[in-house]
């Protein structure tokens, strides 16, 4: 679905996800924003699966605009650049489950993410796409969540879950250079059907922004497609992230996707 910068700024981009015509989408967005007035402020933490700061990285810029919108609505937002933190990989050793203290064997910056997890109302995962999935550094953080189940009765849990986790609100921001029609299929399925269901997290929507890159295949072969030379500023993604931050606690989650779907088929 191709969505122009201008249309997204006018709030039309959510029409497809909401199943509404353009006029209805505008009204739905206005209604959602109006419902936010008077709501209690939330604490929001944004783990950013990138090492680039807000002046450089496309993903970090999306996160910054989301934070700006959420802050304007009275929420308290703290961001964490994972690539600039010392967070070691999960060893799968089980120490956090077996030791009396239930502590991780690593003494590193993941302690800050653990604190954010327990103290925040929402986690917003922001990541560039890497091989049709979240970045390795953000996946590393999620794997370290192996330490944080609530315990209690592990029987008869929904969605084939084996343990109980804190039912925190979550959202997802993703940038990618890729613009194929298939670009986010696997990530969307993994995030909603697998991760959120297993962890028992409350999904508050996602924003996928394609065309946020600088590459060009430059091939005349019809089996290939022309790549994007745009950055996130040229996609409408920053405006969308800002509105997402303002409306993330609207009554209806806003699932949005800005992808310039090409006619190239990976099945050929």
C-alpha atoms as a PDB file:
ATOM      1  CA  UNK A   1       0.000   0.000   0.000  1.00  0.00           C
ATOM      2  CA  UNK A   2       1.492   3.301  -1.018  1.00  0.00           C
ATOM      3  CA  UNK A   3       0.756   6.182   1.319  1.00  0.00           C
ATOM      4  CA  UNK A   4       2.002   9.664   0.591  1.00  0.00           C
ATOM      5  CA  UNK A   5       3.594  11.977   3.154  1.00  0.00           C
ATOM      6  CA  UNK A   6       0.726  14.418   2.781  1.00  0.00           C
ATOM      7  CA  UNK A   7      -1.987  11.799   3.279  1.00  0.00           C
ATOM      8  CA  UNK A   8      -0.286  10.359   6.314  1.00  0.00           C
ATOM      9  CA  UNK A   9       0.031  13.789   7.882  1.00  0.00           C
ATOM     10  CA  UNK A  10      -3.711  14.174   7.414  1.00  0.00           C
ATOM     11  CA  UNK A  11      -4.345  10.950   9.299  1.00  0.00           C
ATOM     12  CA  UNK A  12      -5.587   8.872   6.355  1.00  0.00           C
ATOM     13  CA  UNK A  13      -2.910   6.203   6.600  1.00  0.00           C
ATOM     14  CA  UNK A  14      -4.775   4.137   9.164  1.00  0.00           C
ATOM     15  CA  UNK A  15      -7.796   3.669   6.910  1.00  0.00           C
ATOM     16  CA  UNK A  16      -6.846   0.248   5.591  1.00  0.00           C
ATOM     17  CA  UNK A  17      -5.988  -1.138   9.015  1.00  0.00           C
ATOM     18  CA  UNK A  18      -9.178   0.216  10.548  1.00  0.00           C
ATOM     19  CA  UNK A  19     -11.338  -0.851   7.610  1.00  0.00           C
ATOM     20  CA  UNK A  20     -12.637   2.677   7.118  1.00  0.00           C
ATOM     21  CA  UNK A  21     -12.879   5.125   4.265  1.00  0.00           C
ATOM     22  CA  UNK A  22     -10.597   8.145   4.348  1.00  0.00           C
ATOM     23  CA  UNK A  23     -13.190  10.390   5.944  1.00  0.00           C
ATOM     24  CA  UNK A  24     -13.982   7.762   8.554  1.00  0.00           C
ATOM     25  CA  UNK A  25     -10.300   7.328   9.355  1.00  0.00           C
ATOM     26  CA  UNK A  26      -9.951  11.070   9.942  1.00  0.00           C
ATOM     27  CA  UNK A  27     -12.910  11.028  12.293  1.00  0.00           C
ATOM     28  CA  UNK A  28     -11.639   7.903  14.080  1.00  0.00           C
ATOM     29  CA  UNK A  29      -8.256   9.521  14.646  1.00  0.00           C
ATOM     30  CA  UNK A  30      -9.864  12.706  15.952  1.00  0.00           C
ATOM     31  CA  UNK A  31     -12.100  10.692  18.271  1.00  0.00           C
ATOM     32  CA  UNK A  32      -9.153   8.666  19.551  1.00  0.00           C
ATOM     33  CA  UNK A  33      -7.122  11.770  20.308  1.00  0.00           C
ATOM     34  CA  UNK A  34     -10.032  13.428  22.070  1.00  0.00           C
ATOM     35  CA  UNK A  35     -10.403  10.384  24.324  1.00  0.00           C
ATOM     36  CA  UNK A  36      -6.869  10.909  25.587  1.00  0.00           C
ATOM     37  CA  UNK A  37      -7.692  14.171  27.320  1.00  0.00           C
ATOM     38  CA  UNK A  38      -7.756  13.640  31.057  1.00  0.00           C
ATOM     39  CA  UNK A  39      -6.206  10.178  30.973  1.00  0.00           C
ATOM     40  CA  UNK A  40      -3.576   9.443  33.570  1.00  0.00           C
ATOM     41  CA  UNK A  41       0.043   9.778  32.391  1.00  0.00           C
ATOM     42  CA  UNK A  42       1.871   6.556  31.614  1.00  0.00           C
ATOM     43  CA  UNK A  43       5.522   5.624  31.890  1.00  0.00           C
ATOM     44  CA  UNK A  44       6.839   4.466  28.518  1.00  0.00           C
ATOM     45  CA  UNK A  45      10.246   2.907  27.856  1.00  0.00           C
ATOM     46  CA  UNK A  46      11.630   2.613  24.324  1.00  0.00           C
ATOM     47  CA  UNK A  47      14.417   0.059  23.773  1.00  0.00           C
ATOM     48  CA  UNK A  48      15.929   1.043  20.407  1.00  0.00           C
ATOM     49  CA  UNK A  49      17.645  -1.824  18.632  1.00  0.00           C
ATOM     50  CA  UNK A  50      20.208   0.416  17.002  1.00  0.00           C
ATOM     51  CA  UNK A  51      23.490   2.057  17.870  1.00  0.00           C
ATOM     52  CA  UNK A  52      22.848   5.344  16.089  1.00  0.00           C
ATOM     53  CA  UNK A  53      21.556   8.387  17.916  1.00  0.00           C
ATOM     54  CA  UNK A  54      18.496  10.429  16.966  1.00  0.00           C
ATOM     55  CA  UNK A  55      20.506  12.630  14.597  1.00  0.00           C
ATOM     56  CA  UNK A  56      21.631   9.682  12.445  1.00  0.00           C
ATOM     57  CA  UNK A  57      19.544   6.525  12.489  1.00  0.00           C
ATOM     58  CA  UNK A  58      16.154   6.165  10.794  1.00  0.00           C
ATOM     59  CA  UNK A  59      14.863   3.972  13.622  1.00  0.00           C
ATOM     60  CA  UNK A  60      16.097   6.318  16.334  1.00  0.00           C
ATOM     61  CA  UNK A  61      14.369   9.196  14.556  1.00  0.00           C
ATOM     62  CA  UNK A  62      11.100   7.261  14.518  1.00  0.00           C
ATOM     63  CA  UNK A  63      11.497   6.595  18.239  1.00  0.00           C
ATOM     64  CA  UNK A  64      12.220  10.266  18.919  1.00  0.00           C
ATOM     65  CA  UNK A  65       9.074  11.377  17.104  1.00  0.00           C
ATOM     66  CA  UNK A  66       6.980   8.774  18.904  1.00  0.00           C
ATOM     67  CA  UNK A  67       8.426  10.033  22.194  1.00  0.00           C
ATOM     68  CA  UNK A  68       7.665  13.635  21.254  1.00  0.00           C
ATOM     69  CA  UNK A  69       4.028  12.811  20.541  1.00  0.00           C
ATOM     70  CA  UNK A  70       3.618  10.747  23.706  1.00  0.00           C
ATOM     71  CA  UNK A  71       5.302  13.404  25.854  1.00  0.00           C
ATOM     72  CA  UNK A  72       2.937  16.046  24.516  1.00  0.00           C
ATOM     73  CA  UNK A  73       0.062  13.885  25.783  1.00  0.00           C
ATOM     74  CA  UNK A  74       1.576  13.879  29.279  1.00  0.00           C
ATOM     75  CA  UNK A  75       3.351  10.522  29.225  1.00  0.00           C
ATOM     76  CA  UNK A  76       6.851  10.066  30.637  1.00  0.00           C
ATOM     77  CA  UNK A  77       9.161   8.546  28.019  1.00  0.00           C
ATOM     78  CA  UNK A  78      12.688   7.143  28.420  1.00  0.00           C
ATOM     79  CA  UNK A  79      14.668   5.751  25.478  1.00  0.00           C
ATOM     80  CA  UNK A  80      17.544   3.269  25.513  1.00  0.00           C
ATOM     81  CA  UNK A  81      19.989   2.942  22.604  1.00  0.00           C
ATOM     82  CA  UNK A  82      20.780  -0.740  22.880  1.00  0.00           C
ATOM     83  CA  UNK A  83      23.774  -0.551  20.553  1.00  0.00           C
ATOM     84  CA  UNK A  84      25.500   1.849  22.924  1.00  0.00           C
ATOM     85  CA  UNK A  85      24.878  -0.308  26.007  1.00  0.00           C
ATOM     86  CA  UNK A  86      26.755  -3.302  27.398  1.00  0.00           C
ATOM     87  CA  UNK A  87      24.162  -6.062  27.106  1.00  0.00           C
ATOM     88  CA  UNK A  88      25.566  -9.551  26.794  1.00  0.00           C
ATOM     89  CA  UNK A  89      23.726 -12.467  25.168  1.00  0.00           C
ATOM     90  CA  UNK A  90      21.587 -14.933  27.082  1.00  0.00           C
ATOM     91  CA  UNK A  91      23.555 -18.135  27.698  1.00  0.00           C
ATOM     92  CA  UNK A  92      20.509 -20.279  28.372  1.00  0.00           C
ATOM     93  CA  UNK A  93      22.240 -21.432  31.556  1.00  0.00           C
ATOM     94  CA  UNK A  94      19.075 -21.255  33.680  1.00  0.00           C
ATOM     95  CA  UNK A  95      20.791 -19.519  36.607  1.00  0.00           C
ATOM     96  CA  UNK A  96      18.028 -16.895  36.741  1.00  0.00           C
ATOM     97  CA  UNK A  97      15.447 -19.656  37.189  1.00  0.00           C
ATOM     98  CA  UNK A  98      17.410 -21.953  39.481  1.00  0.00           C
ATOM     99  CA  UNK A  99      19.238 -19.634  41.870  1.00  0.00           C
ATOM    100  CA  UNK A 100      17.553 -18.488  45.067  1.00  0.00           C
ATOM    101  CA  UNK A 101      18.215 -14.848  44.154  1.00  0.00           C
ATOM    102  CA  UNK A 102      16.803 -15.364  40.623  1.00  0.00           C
ATOM    103  CA  UNK A 103      19.590 -13.201  39.231  1.00  0.00           C
ATOM    104  CA  UNK A 104      21.292 -13.312  35.854  1.00  0.00           C
ATOM    105  CA  UNK A 105      24.923 -14.401  35.717  1.00  0.00           C
ATOM    106  CA  UNK A 106      25.695 -11.259  33.727  1.00  0.00           C
ATOM    107  CA  UNK A 107      26.210  -7.973  35.587  1.00  0.00           C
ATOM    108  CA  UNK A 108      25.675  -5.505  32.747  1.00  0.00           C
ATOM    109  CA  UNK A 109      23.415  -2.754  31.414  1.00  0.00           C
ATOM    110  CA  UNK A 110      20.482  -5.121  31.029  1.00  0.00           C
ATOM    111  CA  UNK A 111      19.718  -4.157  34.625  1.00  0.00           C
ATOM    112  CA  UNK A 112      18.444  -0.820  33.273  1.00  0.00           C
ATOM    113  CA  UNK A 113      16.078  -2.608  30.884  1.00  0.00           C
ATOM    114  CA  UNK A 114      14.847  -4.882  33.668  1.00  0.00           C
ATOM    115  CA  UNK A 115      14.068  -1.813  35.786  1.00  0.00           C
ATOM    116  CA  UNK A 116      12.238  -0.225  32.867  1.00  0.00           C
ATOM    117  CA  UNK A 117      10.249  -3.410  32.325  1.00  0.00           C
ATOM    118  CA  UNK A 118       9.046  -3.558  35.935  1.00  0.00           C
ATOM    119  CA  UNK A 119       8.483   0.184  36.386  1.00  0.00           C
ATOM    120  CA  UNK A 120       6.888   1.168  33.054  1.00  0.00           C
ATOM    121  CA  UNK A 121       3.342   0.872  31.775  1.00  0.00           C
ATOM    122  CA  UNK A 122       4.525   0.302  28.211  1.00  0.00           C
ATOM    123  CA  UNK A 123       7.509  -0.929  26.241  1.00  0.00           C
ATOM    124  CA  UNK A 124       7.899   0.348  22.689  1.00  0.00           C
ATOM    125  CA  UNK A 125      10.311  -1.796  20.701  1.00  0.00           C
ATOM    126  CA  UNK A 126      12.006   0.228  17.960  1.00  0.00           C
ATOM    127  CA  UNK A 127      14.170  -1.568  15.437  1.00  0.00           C
ATOM    128  CA  UNK A 128      15.520  -1.548  11.919  1.00  0.00           C
ATOM    129  CA  UNK A 129      14.608  -4.630   9.917  1.00  0.00           C
ATOM    130  CA  UNK A 130      17.360  -7.219   9.600  1.00  0.00           C
ATOM    131  CA  UNK A 131      16.649 -10.123   7.249  1.00  0.00           C
ATOM    132  CA  UNK A 132      12.878  -9.630   7.670  1.00  0.00           C
ATOM    133  CA  UNK A 133      13.169  -9.678  11.466  1.00  0.00           C
ATOM    134  CA  UNK A 134      14.069  -7.336  14.326  1.00  0.00           C
ATOM    135  CA  UNK A 135      17.729  -6.457  14.784  1.00  0.00           C
ATOM    136  CA  UNK A 136      20.002  -8.914  16.573  1.00  0.00           C
ATOM    137  CA  UNK A 137      20.722  -6.472  19.378  1.00  0.00           C
ATOM    138  CA  UNK A 138      17.005  -6.066  20.178  1.00  0.00           C
ATOM    139  CA  UNK A 139      16.430  -9.830  19.881  1.00  0.00           C
ATOM    140  CA  UNK A 140      19.257 -10.200  22.400  1.00  0.00           C
ATOM    141  CA  UNK A 141      17.357  -7.975  24.853  1.00  0.00           C
ATOM    142  CA  UNK A 142      14.149  -9.958  24.419  1.00  0.00           C
ATOM    143  CA  UNK A 143      16.008 -13.227  25.020  1.00  0.00           C
ATOM    144  CA  UNK A 144      17.300 -11.800  28.305  1.00  0.00           C
ATOM    145  CA  UNK A 145      13.643 -11.464  29.379  1.00  0.00           C
ATOM    146  CA  UNK A 146      13.920 -15.168  30.184  1.00  0.00           C
ATOM    147  CA  UNK A 147      14.692 -13.911  33.674  1.00  0.00           C
ATOM    148  CA  UNK A 148      11.445 -12.038  34.306  1.00  0.00           C
ATOM    149  CA  UNK A 149       8.465 -14.440  34.499  1.00  0.00           C
ATOM    150  CA  UNK A 150       6.154 -13.828  37.443  1.00  0.00           C
ATOM    151  CA  UNK A 151       6.122 -17.459  38.508  1.00  0.00           C
ATOM    152  CA  UNK A 152       2.987 -18.911  40.026  1.00  0.00           C
ATOM    153  CA  UNK A 153       0.768 -21.510  38.398  1.00  0.00           C
ATOM    154  CA  UNK A 154       2.166 -22.491  35.009  1.00  0.00           C
ATOM    155  CA  UNK A 155      -0.772 -24.765  34.151  1.00  0.00           C
ATOM    156  CA  UNK A 156      -3.688 -23.984  31.835  1.00  0.00           C
ATOM    157  CA  UNK A 157      -2.089 -20.848  30.409  1.00  0.00           C
ATOM    158  CA  UNK A 158      -3.460 -19.483  27.114  1.00  0.00           C
ATOM    159  CA  UNK A 159      -1.665 -19.530  23.750  1.00  0.00           C
ATOM    160  CA  UNK A 160       0.546 -22.514  24.666  1.00  0.00           C
ATOM    161  CA  UNK A 161       2.385 -20.388  27.213  1.00  0.00           C
ATOM    162  CA  UNK A 162       4.671 -22.151  29.653  1.00  0.00           C
ATOM    163  CA  UNK A 163       5.054 -19.324  32.175  1.00  0.00           C
ATOM    164  CA  UNK A 164       3.398 -16.092  33.237  1.00  0.00           C
ATOM    165  CA  UNK A 165       4.840 -12.662  32.497  1.00  0.00           C
ATOM    166  CA  UNK A 166       3.749  -9.219  33.554  1.00  0.00           C
ATOM    167  CA  UNK A 167       0.940  -8.134  31.162  1.00  0.00           C
ATOM    168  CA  UNK A 168       2.627  -4.909  30.103  1.00  0.00           C
ATOM    169  CA  UNK A 169       1.486  -2.812  27.127  1.00  0.00           C
ATOM    170  CA  UNK A 170       3.751  -2.986  24.089  1.00  0.00           C
ATOM    171  CA  UNK A 171       4.074  -1.364  20.668  1.00  0.00           C
ATOM    172  CA  UNK A 172       6.457  -1.824  17.738  1.00  0.00           C
ATOM    173  CA  UNK A 173       8.264   0.666  15.473  1.00  0.00           C
ATOM    174  CA  UNK A 174      10.173  -0.711  12.469  1.00  0.00           C
ATOM    175  CA  UNK A 175      12.105   0.949   9.672  1.00  0.00           C
ATOM    176  CA  UNK A 176      13.405  -0.815   6.580  1.00  0.00           C
ATOM    177  CA  UNK A 177      14.934  -0.041   3.236  1.00  0.00           C
ATOM    178  CA  UNK A 178      13.011  -2.951   1.744  1.00  0.00           C
ATOM    179  CA  UNK A 179       9.700  -2.100   0.098  1.00  0.00           C
ATOM    180  CA  UNK A 180       8.415  -5.430  -1.180  1.00  0.00           C
ATOM    181  CA  UNK A 181       4.819  -6.489  -0.653  1.00  0.00           C
ATOM    182  CA  UNK A 182       6.074  -9.339   1.532  1.00  0.00           C
ATOM    183  CA  UNK A 183       8.448  -7.176   3.605  1.00  0.00           C
ATOM    184  CA  UNK A 184       6.709  -7.335   6.987  1.00  0.00           C
ATOM    185  CA  UNK A 185       4.753 -10.577   6.701  1.00  0.00           C
ATOM    186  CA  UNK A 186       6.999 -12.722   8.885  1.00  0.00           C
ATOM    187  CA  UNK A 187       7.792  -9.973  11.391  1.00  0.00           C
ATOM    188  CA  UNK A 188       4.117  -9.141  11.895  1.00  0.00           C
ATOM    189  CA  UNK A 189       3.242 -12.792  12.422  1.00  0.00           C
ATOM    190  CA  UNK A 190       6.115 -13.406  14.847  1.00  0.00           C
ATOM    191  CA  UNK A 191       5.465 -10.263  16.868  1.00  0.00           C
ATOM    192  CA  UNK A 192       1.706 -10.575  17.296  1.00  0.00           C
ATOM    193  CA  UNK A 193       1.039 -14.320  17.106  1.00  0.00           C
ATOM    194  CA  UNK A 194       4.184 -15.626  18.767  1.00  0.00           C
ATOM    195  CA  UNK A 195       5.854 -13.048  21.010  1.00  0.00           C
ATOM    196  CA  UNK A 196       2.892 -11.060  22.368  1.00  0.00           C
ATOM    197  CA  UNK A 197       0.693 -14.104  22.779  1.00  0.00           C
ATOM    198  CA  UNK A 198       3.357 -16.138  24.539  1.00  0.00           C
ATOM    199  CA  UNK A 199       4.396 -13.316  26.869  1.00  0.00           C
ATOM    200  CA  UNK A 200       0.826 -12.215  27.514  1.00  0.00           C
ATOM    201  CA  UNK A 201       1.660  -8.667  26.439  1.00  0.00           C
ATOM    202  CA  UNK A 202      -1.050  -6.189  25.423  1.00  0.00           C
ATOM    203  CA  UNK A 203      -0.361  -4.995  21.880  1.00  0.00           C
ATOM    204  CA  UNK A 204      -1.098  -1.302  21.389  1.00  0.00           C
ATOM    205  CA  UNK A 205      -0.304  -1.213  17.695  1.00  0.00           C
ATOM    206  CA  UNK A 206       2.637  -1.067  15.340  1.00  0.00           C
ATOM    207  CA  UNK A 207       4.148   1.209  12.707  1.00  0.00           C
ATOM    208  CA  UNK A 208       6.127  -0.249   9.806  1.00  0.00           C
ATOM    209  CA  UNK A 209       7.981   2.227   7.570  1.00  0.00           C
ATOM    210  CA  UNK A 210       9.440   0.925   4.319  1.00  0.00           C
ATOM    211  CA  UNK A 211      11.655   2.883   1.940  1.00  0.00           C
ATOM    212  CA  UNK A 212      13.806   4.187   4.797  1.00  0.00           C
ATOM    213  CA  UNK A 213      17.143   3.431   3.239  1.00  0.00           C
ATOM    214  CA  UNK A 214      19.738   4.269   0.675  1.00  0.00           C
ATOM    215  CA  UNK A 215      20.389   1.573  -1.874  1.00  0.00           C
ATOM    216  CA  UNK A 216      19.622   0.856  -5.512  1.00  0.00           C
ATOM    217  CA  UNK A 217      19.864  -2.384  -7.396  1.00  0.00           C
ATOM    218  CA  UNK A 218      19.844  -0.485 -10.688  1.00  0.00           C
ATOM    219  CA  UNK A 219      19.002  -3.551 -12.754  1.00  0.00           C
ATOM    220  CA  UNK A 220      16.938  -3.585 -15.915  1.00  0.00           C
ATOM    221  CA  UNK A 221      16.060  -7.198 -15.305  1.00  0.00           C
ATOM    222  CA  UNK A 222      12.328  -7.446 -14.621  1.00  0.00           C
ATOM    223  CA  UNK A 223      13.112 -10.097 -12.011  1.00  0.00           C
ATOM    224  CA  UNK A 224      14.658  -7.382  -9.879  1.00  0.00           C
ATOM    225  CA  UNK A 225      13.200  -4.201  -8.511  1.00  0.00           C
ATOM    226  CA  UNK A 226      14.527  -0.711  -8.123  1.00  0.00           C
ATOM    227  CA  UNK A 227      15.578  -0.075  -4.552  1.00  0.00           C
ATOM    228  CA  UNK A 228      14.860   3.025  -2.509  1.00  0.00           C
ATOM    229  CA  UNK A 229      17.229   5.958  -2.156  1.00  0.00           C
ATOM    230  CA  UNK A 230      15.004   7.726   0.354  1.00  0.00           C
ATOM    231  CA  UNK A 231      15.440   8.269   4.062  1.00  0.00           C
ATOM    232  CA  UNK A 232      12.772   8.137   6.718  1.00  0.00           C
ATOM    233  CA  UNK A 233      12.205  11.904   6.376  1.00  0.00           C
ATOM    234  CA  UNK A 234      10.891  11.269   2.852  1.00  0.00           C
ATOM    235  CA  UNK A 235       8.415   8.522   3.720  1.00  0.00           C
ATOM    236  CA  UNK A 236       5.882  10.175   6.016  1.00  0.00           C
ATOM    237  CA  UNK A 237       7.157   7.909   8.775  1.00  0.00           C
ATOM    238  CA  UNK A 238       8.198  10.674  11.152  1.00  0.00           C
ATOM    239  CA  UNK A 239       4.746  12.270  11.014  1.00  0.00           C
ATOM    240  CA  UNK A 240       3.184   8.843  11.520  1.00  0.00           C
ATOM    241  CA  UNK A 241       5.402   8.067  14.517  1.00  0.00           C
ATOM    242  CA  UNK A 242       4.514  11.399  16.097  1.00  0.00           C
ATOM    243  CA  UNK A 243       0.767  10.744  15.706  1.00  0.00           C
ATOM    244  CA  UNK A 244       1.273   7.179  16.934  1.00  0.00           C
ATOM    245  CA  UNK A 245       2.873   8.528  20.104  1.00  0.00           C
ATOM    246  CA  UNK A 246      -0.027  10.896  20.652  1.00  0.00           C
ATOM    247  CA  UNK A 247      -2.663   8.221  20.096  1.00  0.00           C
ATOM    248  CA  UNK A 248      -0.990   5.079  21.470  1.00  0.00           C
ATOM    249  CA  UNK A 249      -3.476   4.992  24.342  1.00  0.00           C
ATOM    250  CA  UNK A 250      -6.467   5.693  22.148  1.00  0.00           C
ATOM    251  CA  UNK A 251      -9.329   3.236  22.455  1.00  0.00           C
ATOM    252  CA  UNK A 252      -8.333   1.330  19.315  1.00  0.00           C
ATOM    253  CA  UNK A 253      -4.709   0.339  18.619  1.00  0.00           C
ATOM    254  CA  UNK A 254      -3.348   1.872  15.425  1.00  0.00           C
ATOM    255  CA  UNK A 255      -1.720  -0.726  13.170  1.00  0.00           C
ATOM    256  CA  UNK A 256      -0.102   1.172  10.315  1.00  0.00           C
ATOM    257  CA  UNK A 257       2.163   0.259   7.423  1.00  0.00           C
ATOM    258  CA  UNK A 258       3.954   2.538   4.991  1.00  0.00           C
ATOM    259  CA  UNK A 259       5.358   0.292   2.283  1.00  0.00           C
ATOM    260  CA  UNK A 260       5.677   1.194  -1.372  1.00  0.00           C
ATOM    261  CA  UNK A 261       4.740  -2.284  -2.522  1.00  0.00           C
ATOM    262  CA  UNK A 262       6.571  -3.220  -5.689  1.00  0.00           C
ATOM    263  CA  UNK A 263       5.322  -5.627  -8.342  1.00  0.00           C
ATOM    264  CA  UNK A 264       8.458  -7.725  -7.908  1.00  0.00           C
ATOM    265  CA  UNK A 265       7.634 -11.206  -6.635  1.00  0.00           C
ATOM    266  CA  UNK A 266      10.067 -13.211  -4.572  1.00  0.00           C
ATOM    267  CA  UNK A 267       8.289 -16.348  -5.775  1.00  0.00           C
ATOM    268  CA  UNK A 268       9.479 -15.988  -9.374  1.00  0.00           C
END
